[in-house]
Amino acid sequence: PLLYGTSCCFIEFASLIGSRFDFDRYGLVPRSSPRQADLILTAGTVTMKMAPSLVRLYEQMPE
């Protein structure tokens, strides 16, 4: 998945990467590029100003 955090809610996603909730063992490998990701996890408020960049990331994902 591609992790997309826009505010303080992204701190909750940081715990997923740690050893307690290690989501690597479930096959969820964090990706840094939308071209490699098949899922976008969005945390926080998506404002009108941020919406075009989020749509651009979504369009770069593979079908």
PDB file of N, CA and C in Angstrom:
ATOM      1  N   PRO A   1       0.816  -1.203   0.000  1.00  0.00           N
ATOM      2  CA  PRO A   1       0.000   0.000   0.000  1.00  0.00           C
ATOM      3  C   PRO A   1       0.856   1.262   0.000  1.00  0.00           C
ATOM      4  N   LEU A   2       0.292   2.304  -0.498  1.00  0.00           N
ATOM      5  CA  LEU A   2       0.907   3.624  -0.468  1.00  0.00           C
ATOM      6  C   LEU A   2       0.274   4.379   0.686  1.00  0.00           C
ATOM      7  N   LEU A   3       1.076   4.804   1.653  1.00  0.00           N
ATOM      8  CA  LEU A   3       0.561   5.521   2.810  1.00  0.00           C
ATOM      9  C   LEU A   3       0.547   7.011   2.506  1.00  0.00           C
ATOM     10  N   TYR A   4      -0.616   7.643   2.634  1.00  0.00           N
ATOM     11  CA  TYR A   4      -0.790   9.061   2.323  1.00  0.00           C
ATOM     12  C   TYR A   4      -1.397   9.732   3.540  1.00  0.00           C
ATOM     13  N   GLY A   5      -0.577  10.452   4.284  1.00  0.00           N
ATOM     14  CA  GLY A   5      -1.059  11.124   5.481  1.00  0.00           C
ATOM     15  C   GLY A   5      -0.982  12.623   5.346  1.00  0.00           C
ATOM     16  N   THR A   6      -2.044  13.302   5.760  1.00  0.00           N
ATOM     17  CA  THR A   6      -2.082  14.749   5.599  1.00  0.00           C
ATOM     18  C   THR A   6      -2.128  15.503   6.921  1.00  0.00           C
ATOM     19  N   SER A   7      -2.335  14.848   8.026  1.00  0.00           N
ATOM     20  CA  SER A   7      -2.404  15.564   9.300  1.00  0.00           C
ATOM     21  C   SER A   7      -1.963  14.631  10.427  1.00  0.00           C
ATOM     22  N   CYS A   8      -2.371  14.952  11.623  1.00  0.00           N
ATOM     23  CA  CYS A   8      -1.928  14.181  12.782  1.00  0.00           C
ATOM     24  C   CYS A   8      -2.450  12.745  12.774  1.00  0.00           C
ATOM     25  N   CYS A   9      -3.439  12.428  11.976  1.00  0.00           N
ATOM     26  CA  CYS A   9      -3.968  11.062  11.906  1.00  0.00           C
ATOM     27  C   CYS A   9      -2.946  10.077  11.341  1.00  0.00           C
ATOM     28  N   PHE A  10      -1.944  10.583  10.659  1.00  0.00           N
ATOM     29  CA  PHE A  10      -0.933   9.706  10.083  1.00  0.00           C
ATOM     30  C   PHE A  10      -0.099   9.020  11.163  1.00  0.00           C
ATOM     31  N   ILE A  11      -0.080   9.567  12.369  1.00  0.00           N
ATOM     32  CA  ILE A  11       0.654   8.949  13.473  1.00  0.00           C
ATOM     33  C   ILE A  11       0.107   7.549  13.753  1.00  0.00           C
ATOM     34  N   GLU A  12      -1.192   7.361  13.551  1.00  0.00           N
ATOM     35  CA  GLU A  12      -1.786   6.041  13.761  1.00  0.00           C
ATOM     36  C   GLU A  12      -1.240   5.028  12.762  1.00  0.00           C
ATOM     37  N   PHE A  13      -0.934   5.459  11.544  1.00  0.00           N
ATOM     38  CA  PHE A  13      -0.348   4.559  10.555  1.00  0.00           C
ATOM     39  C   PHE A  13       1.079   4.178  10.916  1.00  0.00           C
ATOM     40  N   ALA A  14       1.774   5.040  11.623  1.00  0.00           N
ATOM     41  CA  ALA A  14       3.153   4.743  12.002  1.00  0.00           C
ATOM     42  C   ALA A  14       3.219   3.496  12.878  1.00  0.00           C
ATOM     43  N   SER A  15       2.190   3.251  13.667  1.00  0.00           N
ATOM     44  CA  SER A  15       2.185   2.053  14.511  1.00  0.00           C
ATOM     45  C   SER A  15       2.049   0.772  13.688  1.00  0.00           C
ATOM     46  N   LEU A  16       1.468   0.851  12.499  1.00  0.00           N
ATOM     47  CA  LEU A  16       1.342  -0.335  11.644  1.00  0.00           C
ATOM     48  C   LEU A  16       2.694  -0.838  11.159  1.00  0.00           C
ATOM     49  N   ILE A  17       3.628   0.072  11.002  1.00  0.00           N
ATOM     50  CA  ILE A  17       4.942  -0.299  10.487  1.00  0.00           C
ATOM     51  C   ILE A  17       5.799  -0.920  11.585  1.00  0.00           C
ATOM     52  N   GLY A  18       5.505  -0.612  12.841  1.00  0.00           N
ATOM     53  CA  GLY A  18       6.278  -1.120  13.964  1.00  0.00           C
ATOM     54  C   GLY A  18       6.112  -2.615  14.176  1.00  0.00           C
ATOM     55  N   SER A  19       6.834  -3.130  15.150  1.00  0.00           N
ATOM     56  CA  SER A  19       6.846  -4.580  15.370  1.00  0.00           C
ATOM     57  C   SER A  19       5.565  -5.106  16.021  1.00  0.00           C
ATOM     58  N   ARG A  20       4.812  -4.272  16.719  1.00  0.00           N
ATOM     59  CA  ARG A  20       3.607  -4.769  17.389  1.00  0.00           C
ATOM     60  C   ARG A  20       2.507  -5.141  16.403  1.00  0.00           C
ATOM     61  N   PHE A  21       2.278  -4.294  15.405  1.00  0.00           N
ATOM     62  CA  PHE A  21       1.230  -4.544  14.418  1.00  0.00           C
ATOM     63  C   PHE A  21       1.806  -4.876  13.051  1.00  0.00           C
ATOM     64  N   ASP A  22       3.026  -5.284  12.991  1.00  0.00           N
ATOM     65  CA  ASP A  22       3.798  -5.549  11.779  1.00  0.00           C
ATOM     66  C   ASP A  22       2.943  -6.057  10.617  1.00  0.00           C
ATOM     67  N   PHE A  23       2.568  -5.167   9.704  1.00  0.00           N
ATOM     68  CA  PHE A  23       1.705  -5.598   8.612  1.00  0.00           C
ATOM     69  C   PHE A  23       2.462  -6.201   7.449  1.00  0.00           C
ATOM     70  N   ASP A  24       3.778  -6.313   7.561  1.00  0.00           N
ATOM     71  CA  ASP A  24       4.558  -7.019   6.540  1.00  0.00           C
ATOM     72  C   ASP A  24       4.227  -8.512   6.525  1.00  0.00           C
ATOM     73  N   ARG A  25       3.916  -9.058   7.668  1.00  0.00           N
ATOM     74  CA  ARG A  25       3.623 -10.500   7.723  1.00  0.00           C
ATOM     75  C   ARG A  25       2.297 -10.854   7.060  1.00  0.00           C
ATOM     76  N   TYR A  26       1.450  -9.863   6.805  1.00  0.00           N
ATOM     77  CA  TYR A  26       0.195 -10.087   6.087  1.00  0.00           C
ATOM     78  C   TYR A  26       0.332  -9.810   4.598  1.00  0.00           C
ATOM     79  N   GLY A  27       1.543  -9.520   4.160  1.00  0.00           N
ATOM     80  CA  GLY A  27       1.772  -9.275   2.745  1.00  0.00           C
ATOM     81  C   GLY A  27       1.601  -7.827   2.333  1.00  0.00           C
ATOM     82  N   LEU A  28       1.432  -6.928   3.281  1.00  0.00           N
ATOM     83  CA  LEU A  28       1.294  -5.506   2.984  1.00  0.00           C
ATOM     84  C   LEU A  28       2.662  -4.844   3.085  1.00  0.00           C
ATOM     85  N   VAL A  29       3.307  -4.671   1.964  1.00  0.00           N
ATOM     86  CA  VAL A  29       4.634  -4.071   1.933  1.00  0.00           C
ATOM     87  C   VAL A  29       4.479  -2.607   1.532  1.00  0.00           C
ATOM     88  N   PRO A  30       4.896  -1.663   2.392  1.00  0.00           N
ATOM     89  CA  PRO A  30       4.743  -0.250   2.037  1.00  0.00           C
ATOM     90  C   PRO A  30       5.581   0.116   0.818  1.00  0.00           C
ATOM     91  N   ARG A  31       4.998   0.866  -0.075  1.00  0.00           N
ATOM     92  CA  ARG A  31       5.671   1.291  -1.300  1.00  0.00           C
ATOM     93  C   ARG A  31       5.837   2.800  -1.292  1.00  0.00           C
ATOM     94  N   SER A  32       6.898   3.271  -1.914  1.00  0.00           N
ATOM     95  CA  SER A  32       7.133   4.711  -1.975  1.00  0.00           C
ATOM     96  C   SER A  32       6.655   5.309  -3.284  1.00  0.00           C
ATOM     97  N   SER A  33       6.292   4.475  -4.230  1.00  0.00           N
ATOM     98  CA  SER A  33       5.849   4.950  -5.532  1.00  0.00           C
ATOM     99  C   SER A  33       4.432   4.448  -5.806  1.00  0.00           C
ATOM    100  N   PRO A  34       3.556   5.306  -6.312  1.00  0.00           N
ATOM    101  CA  PRO A  34       2.200   4.839  -6.634  1.00  0.00           C
ATOM    102  C   PRO A  34       2.181   3.838  -7.779  1.00  0.00           C
ATOM    103  N   ARG A  35       3.214   3.806  -8.584  1.00  0.00           N
ATOM    104  CA  ARG A  35       3.271   2.852  -9.699  1.00  0.00           C
ATOM    105  C   ARG A  35       3.489   1.424  -9.216  1.00  0.00           C
ATOM    106  N   GLN A  36       3.961   1.260  -7.987  1.00  0.00           N
ATOM    107  CA  GLN A  36       4.184  -0.068  -7.419  1.00  0.00           C
ATOM    108  C   GLN A  36       3.077  -0.476  -6.452  1.00  0.00           C
ATOM    109  N   ALA A  37       2.220   0.455  -6.082  1.00  0.00           N
ATOM    110  CA  ALA A  37       1.204   0.193  -5.057  1.00  0.00           C
ATOM    111  C   ALA A  37      -0.117  -0.247  -5.684  1.00  0.00           C
ATOM    112  N   ASP A  38      -0.855  -1.060  -4.944  1.00  0.00           N
ATOM    113  CA  ASP A  38      -2.183  -1.465  -5.394  1.00  0.00           C
ATOM    114  C   ASP A  38      -3.276  -0.973  -4.443  1.00  0.00           C
ATOM    115  N   LEU A  39      -2.884  -0.190  -3.441  1.00  0.00           N
ATOM    116  CA  LEU A  39      -3.819   0.318  -2.445  1.00  0.00           C
ATOM    117  C   LEU A  39      -3.285   1.631  -1.891  1.00  0.00           C
ATOM    118  N   ILE A  40      -4.152   2.618  -1.714  1.00  0.00           N
ATOM    119  CA  ILE A  40      -3.770   3.870  -1.058  1.00  0.00           C
ATOM    120  C   ILE A  40      -4.509   3.934   0.268  1.00  0.00           C
ATOM    121  N   LEU A  41      -3.756   4.045   1.354  1.00  0.00           N
ATOM    122  CA  LEU A  41      -4.343   4.251   2.674  1.00  0.00           C
ATOM    123  C   LEU A  41      -4.214   5.734   2.990  1.00  0.00           C
ATOM    124  N   THR A  42      -5.342   6.408   3.111  1.00  0.00           N
ATOM    125  CA  THR A  42      -5.353   7.850   3.334  1.00  0.00           C
ATOM    126  C   THR A  42      -5.751   8.138   4.772  1.00  0.00           C
ATOM    127  N   ALA A  43      -4.935   8.921   5.456  1.00  0.00           N
ATOM    128  CA  ALA A  43      -5.226   9.313   6.835  1.00  0.00           C
ATOM    129  C   ALA A  43      -5.234  10.824   6.917  1.00  0.00           C
ATOM    130  N   GLY A  44      -6.244  11.354   7.563  1.00  0.00           N
ATOM    131  CA  GLY A  44      -6.311  12.792   7.735  1.00  0.00           C
ATOM    132  C   GLY A  44      -7.357  13.422   6.845  1.00  0.00           C
ATOM    133  N   THR A  45      -7.398  14.712   6.899  1.00  0.00           N
ATOM    134  CA  THR A  45      -8.377  15.481   6.147  1.00  0.00           C
ATOM    135  C   THR A  45      -7.862  15.756   4.746  1.00  0.00           C
ATOM    136  N   VAL A  46      -8.654  15.435   3.757  1.00  0.00           N
ATOM    137  CA  VAL A  46      -8.301  15.753   2.370  1.00  0.00           C
ATOM    138  C   VAL A  46      -9.037  17.042   2.014  1.00  0.00           C
ATOM    139  N   THR A  47      -8.287  18.103   1.879  1.00  0.00           N
ATOM    140  CA  THR A  47      -8.876  19.400   1.556  1.00  0.00           C
ATOM    141  C   THR A  47      -8.955  19.574   0.045  1.00  0.00           C
ATOM    142  N   MET A  48      -9.647  20.610  -0.373  1.00  0.00           N
ATOM    143  CA  MET A  48      -9.765  20.901  -1.809  1.00  0.00           C
ATOM    144  C   MET A  48      -8.399  21.204  -2.422  1.00  0.00           C
ATOM    145  N   LYS A  49      -7.505  21.749  -1.620  1.00  0.00           N
ATOM    146  CA  LYS A  49      -6.169  22.073  -2.115  1.00  0.00           C
ATOM    147  C   LYS A  49      -5.322  20.810  -2.321  1.00  0.00           C
ATOM    148  N   MET A  50      -5.545  19.783  -1.498  1.00  0.00           N
ATOM    149  CA  MET A  50      -4.781  18.540  -1.591  1.00  0.00           C
ATOM    150  C   MET A  50      -5.414  17.530  -2.539  1.00  0.00           C
ATOM    151  N   ALA A  51      -6.674  17.704  -2.888  1.00  0.00           N
ATOM    152  CA  ALA A  51      -7.390  16.733  -3.716  1.00  0.00           C
ATOM    153  C   ALA A  51      -6.739  16.497  -5.074  1.00  0.00           C
ATOM    154  N   PRO A  52      -6.277  17.523  -5.803  1.00  0.00           N
ATOM    155  CA  PRO A  52      -5.648  17.246  -7.102  1.00  0.00           C
ATOM    156  C   PRO A  52      -4.402  16.368  -7.002  1.00  0.00           C
ATOM    157  N   SER A  53      -3.602  16.541  -5.954  1.00  0.00           N
ATOM    158  CA  SER A  53      -2.411  15.695  -5.824  1.00  0.00           C
ATOM    159  C   SER A  53      -2.789  14.261  -5.479  1.00  0.00           C
ATOM    160  N   LEU A  54      -3.844  14.069  -4.696  1.00  0.00           N
ATOM    161  CA  LEU A  54      -4.297  12.717  -4.378  1.00  0.00           C
ATOM    162  C   LEU A  54      -4.871  12.029  -5.608  1.00  0.00           C
ATOM    163  N   VAL A  55      -5.606  12.759  -6.425  1.00  0.00           N
ATOM    164  CA  VAL A  55      -6.138  12.207  -7.675  1.00  0.00           C
ATOM    165  C   VAL A  55      -4.997  11.852  -8.618  1.00  0.00           C
ATOM    166  N   ARG A  56      -3.962  12.674  -8.671  1.00  0.00           N
ATOM    167  CA  ARG A  56      -2.801  12.394  -9.522  1.00  0.00           C
ATOM    168  C   ARG A  56      -2.098  11.113  -9.071  1.00  0.00           C
ATOM    169  N   LEU A  57      -1.965  10.920  -7.759  1.00  0.00           N
ATOM    170  CA  LEU A  57      -1.371   9.683  -7.248  1.00  0.00           C
ATOM    171  C   LEU A  57      -2.226   8.472  -7.614  1.00  0.00           C
ATOM    172  N   TYR A  58      -3.538   8.618  -7.504  1.00  0.00           N
ATOM    173  CA  TYR A  58      -4.445   7.519  -7.841  1.00  0.00           C
ATOM    174  C   TYR A  58      -4.344   7.159  -9.321  1.00  0.00           C
ATOM    175  N   GLU A  59      -4.229   8.157 -10.175  1.00  0.00           N
ATOM    176  CA  GLU A  59      -4.139   7.900 -11.615  1.00  0.00           C
ATOM    177  C   GLU A  59      -2.817   7.250 -12.003  1.00  0.00           C
ATOM    178  N   GLN A  60      -1.788   7.397 -11.187  1.00  0.00           N
ATOM    179  CA  GLN A  60      -0.495   6.779 -11.476  1.00  0.00           C
ATOM    180  C   GLN A  60      -0.437   5.321 -11.053  1.00  0.00           C
ATOM    181  N   MET A  61      -1.427   4.873 -10.307  1.00  0.00           N
ATOM    182  CA  MET A  61      -1.441   3.480  -9.862  1.00  0.00           C
ATOM    183  C   MET A  61      -1.770   2.551 -11.023  1.00  0.00           C
ATOM    184  N   PRO A  62      -1.233   1.323 -10.999  1.00  0.00           N
ATOM    185  CA  PRO A  62      -1.562   0.373 -12.070  1.00  0.00           C
ATOM    186  C   PRO A  62      -3.016  -0.061 -11.987  1.00  0.00           C
ATOM    187  N   GLU A  63      -3.544  -0.509 -13.106  1.00  0.00           N
ATOM    188  CA  GLU A  63      -4.952  -0.944 -13.168  1.00  0.00           C
ATOM    189  C   GLU A  63      -5.173  -2.223 -12.419  1.00  0.00           C
TER     190      GLU A  63
END
